[in-house]
């Protein structure tokens, strides 16, 4: 991940985990919501809700992994020049 002072590493971990939890919650809501377009909004917890959370969690985590990978790649390219 990112290199730097300990507080910076901790902040990055908090950001990554918070984003992953938020995306997971959004995935759960989307998977659980029924009847939205028919005017009868309700939530039904199911295995799809768990799958929605896991997919959202992984998507949020991968987003930051991609950002930090790209950042490290750009820093490495600058050092080579």
C-alpha atoms as a PDB file:
ATOM      1  CA  UNK A   1       0.000   0.000   0.000  1.00  0.00           C
ATOM      2  CA  UNK A   2       1.231   3.535   0.614  1.00  0.00           C
ATOM      3  CA  UNK A   3       4.496   4.249   2.334  1.00  0.00           C
ATOM      4  CA  UNK A   4       4.824   7.048   4.823  1.00  0.00           C
ATOM      5  CA  UNK A   5       4.413   7.935   8.462  1.00  0.00           C
ATOM      6  CA  UNK A   6       2.385   5.605  10.674  1.00  0.00           C
ATOM      7  CA  UNK A   7      -0.517   8.057  11.018  1.00  0.00           C
ATOM      8  CA  UNK A   8      -0.784   8.288   7.235  1.00  0.00           C
ATOM      9  CA  UNK A   9      -0.912   4.498   6.915  1.00  0.00           C
ATOM     10  CA  UNK A  10      -3.596   4.334   9.591  1.00  0.00           C
ATOM     11  CA  UNK A  11      -5.660   7.028   7.877  1.00  0.00           C
ATOM     12  CA  UNK A  12      -5.445   5.156   4.574  1.00  0.00           C
ATOM     13  CA  UNK A  13      -6.646   1.950   6.267  1.00  0.00           C
ATOM     14  CA  UNK A  14      -9.592   3.816   7.777  1.00  0.00           C
ATOM     15  CA  UNK A  15     -10.479   5.366   4.402  1.00  0.00           C
ATOM     16  CA  UNK A  16     -10.295   2.021   2.584  1.00  0.00           C
ATOM     17  CA  UNK A  17     -12.340   0.173   5.226  1.00  0.00           C
ATOM     18  CA  UNK A  18     -14.954   2.945   5.480  1.00  0.00           C
ATOM     19  CA  UNK A  19     -15.416   3.032   1.726  1.00  0.00           C
ATOM     20  CA  UNK A  20     -15.721  -0.748   1.586  1.00  0.00           C
ATOM     21  CA  UNK A  21     -18.345  -0.780   4.372  1.00  0.00           C
ATOM     22  CA  UNK A  22     -20.295   2.034   2.668  1.00  0.00           C
ATOM     23  CA  UNK A  23     -20.274   0.286  -0.709  1.00  0.00           C
ATOM     24  CA  UNK A  24     -21.321  -2.922   1.058  1.00  0.00           C
ATOM     25  CA  UNK A  25     -24.243  -1.166   2.741  1.00  0.00           C
ATOM     26  CA  UNK A  26     -25.304   0.296  -0.601  1.00  0.00           C
ATOM     27  CA  UNK A  27     -25.106  -3.151  -2.197  1.00  0.00           C
ATOM     28  CA  UNK A  28     -27.251  -4.569   0.596  1.00  0.00           C
ATOM     29  CA  UNK A  29     -29.914  -1.886   0.160  1.00  0.00           C
ATOM     30  CA  UNK A  30     -30.004  -2.367  -3.597  1.00  0.00           C
ATOM     31  CA  UNK A  31     -30.254  -6.161  -3.287  1.00  0.00           C
ATOM     32  CA  UNK A  32     -32.906  -5.984  -0.532  1.00  0.00           C
ATOM     33  CA  UNK A  33     -35.215  -3.358  -2.032  1.00  0.00           C
ATOM     34  CA  UNK A  34     -38.372  -4.727  -3.646  1.00  0.00           C
ATOM     35  CA  UNK A  35     -41.279  -3.002  -5.384  1.00  0.00           C
ATOM     36  CA  UNK A  36     -39.508   0.321  -5.804  1.00  0.00           C
ATOM     37  CA  UNK A  37     -40.905   1.038  -9.261  1.00  0.00           C
ATOM     38  CA  UNK A  38     -44.426  -0.091  -8.350  1.00  0.00           C
ATOM     39  CA  UNK A  39     -44.852   2.333  -5.449  1.00  0.00           C
ATOM     40  CA  UNK A  40     -44.714  -0.352  -2.777  1.00  0.00           C
ATOM     41  CA  UNK A  41     -41.219  -0.024  -1.377  1.00  0.00           C
ATOM     42  CA  UNK A  42     -40.173  -2.781   0.998  1.00  0.00           C
ATOM     43  CA  UNK A  43     -36.994  -4.493   2.077  1.00  0.00           C
ATOM     44  CA  UNK A  44     -36.582  -8.264   2.061  1.00  0.00           C
ATOM     45  CA  UNK A  45     -33.421  -9.637   3.611  1.00  0.00           C
ATOM     46  CA  UNK A  46     -32.178 -12.709   1.753  1.00  0.00           C
ATOM     47  CA  UNK A  47     -29.024 -14.428   0.574  1.00  0.00           C
ATOM     48  CA  UNK A  48     -28.987 -11.809  -2.187  1.00  0.00           C
ATOM     49  CA  UNK A  49     -28.584  -9.148   0.503  1.00  0.00           C
ATOM     50  CA  UNK A  50     -25.466 -10.866   1.786  1.00  0.00           C
ATOM     51  CA  UNK A  51     -24.148 -11.237  -1.754  1.00  0.00           C
ATOM     52  CA  UNK A  52     -24.875  -7.548  -2.385  1.00  0.00           C
ATOM     53  CA  UNK A  53     -22.908  -6.583   0.713  1.00  0.00           C
ATOM     54  CA  UNK A  54     -19.942  -8.745  -0.257  1.00  0.00           C
ATOM     55  CA  UNK A  55     -19.904  -7.451  -3.828  1.00  0.00           C
ATOM     56  CA  UNK A  56     -20.132  -3.850  -2.635  1.00  0.00           C
ATOM     57  CA  UNK A  57     -17.436  -4.382  -0.009  1.00  0.00           C
ATOM     58  CA  UNK A  58     -15.036  -5.873  -2.546  1.00  0.00           C
ATOM     59  CA  UNK A  59     -15.816  -3.111  -5.069  1.00  0.00           C
ATOM     60  CA  UNK A  60     -15.031  -0.396  -2.501  1.00  0.00           C
ATOM     61  CA  UNK A  61     -11.840  -2.138  -1.428  1.00  0.00           C
ATOM     62  CA  UNK A  62     -10.675  -2.714  -5.021  1.00  0.00           C
ATOM     63  CA  UNK A  63     -11.344   0.919  -5.907  1.00  0.00           C
ATOM     64  CA  UNK A  64      -8.751   2.139  -3.399  1.00  0.00           C
ATOM     65  CA  UNK A  65      -6.334  -0.669  -4.259  1.00  0.00           C
ATOM     66  CA  UNK A  66      -6.484   0.515  -7.868  1.00  0.00           C
ATOM     67  CA  UNK A  67      -5.969   4.138  -6.829  1.00  0.00           C
ATOM     68  CA  UNK A  68      -2.936   3.320  -4.673  1.00  0.00           C
ATOM     69  CA  UNK A  69      -1.497   0.947  -7.289  1.00  0.00           C
ATOM     70  CA  UNK A  70      -1.754   3.691  -9.923  1.00  0.00           C
ATOM     71  CA  UNK A  71      -0.212   6.203  -7.495  1.00  0.00           C
ATOM     72  CA  UNK A  72       2.737   3.893  -6.778  1.00  0.00           C
ATOM     73  CA  UNK A  73       3.206   3.235 -10.478  1.00  0.00           C
ATOM     74  CA  UNK A  74       3.292   6.980 -11.235  1.00  0.00           C
ATOM     75  CA  UNK A  75       5.774   7.634  -8.406  1.00  0.00           C
ATOM     76  CA  UNK A  76       8.027   4.835  -9.672  1.00  0.00           C
ATOM     77  CA  UNK A  77       7.932   6.286 -13.196  1.00  0.00           C
ATOM     78  CA  UNK A  78       8.944   9.715 -11.858  1.00  0.00           C
ATOM     79  CA  UNK A  79      11.889   8.215  -9.988  1.00  0.00           C
ATOM     80  CA  UNK A  80      13.142   6.523 -13.152  1.00  0.00           C
ATOM     81  CA  UNK A  81      13.181   9.794 -15.116  1.00  0.00           C
END
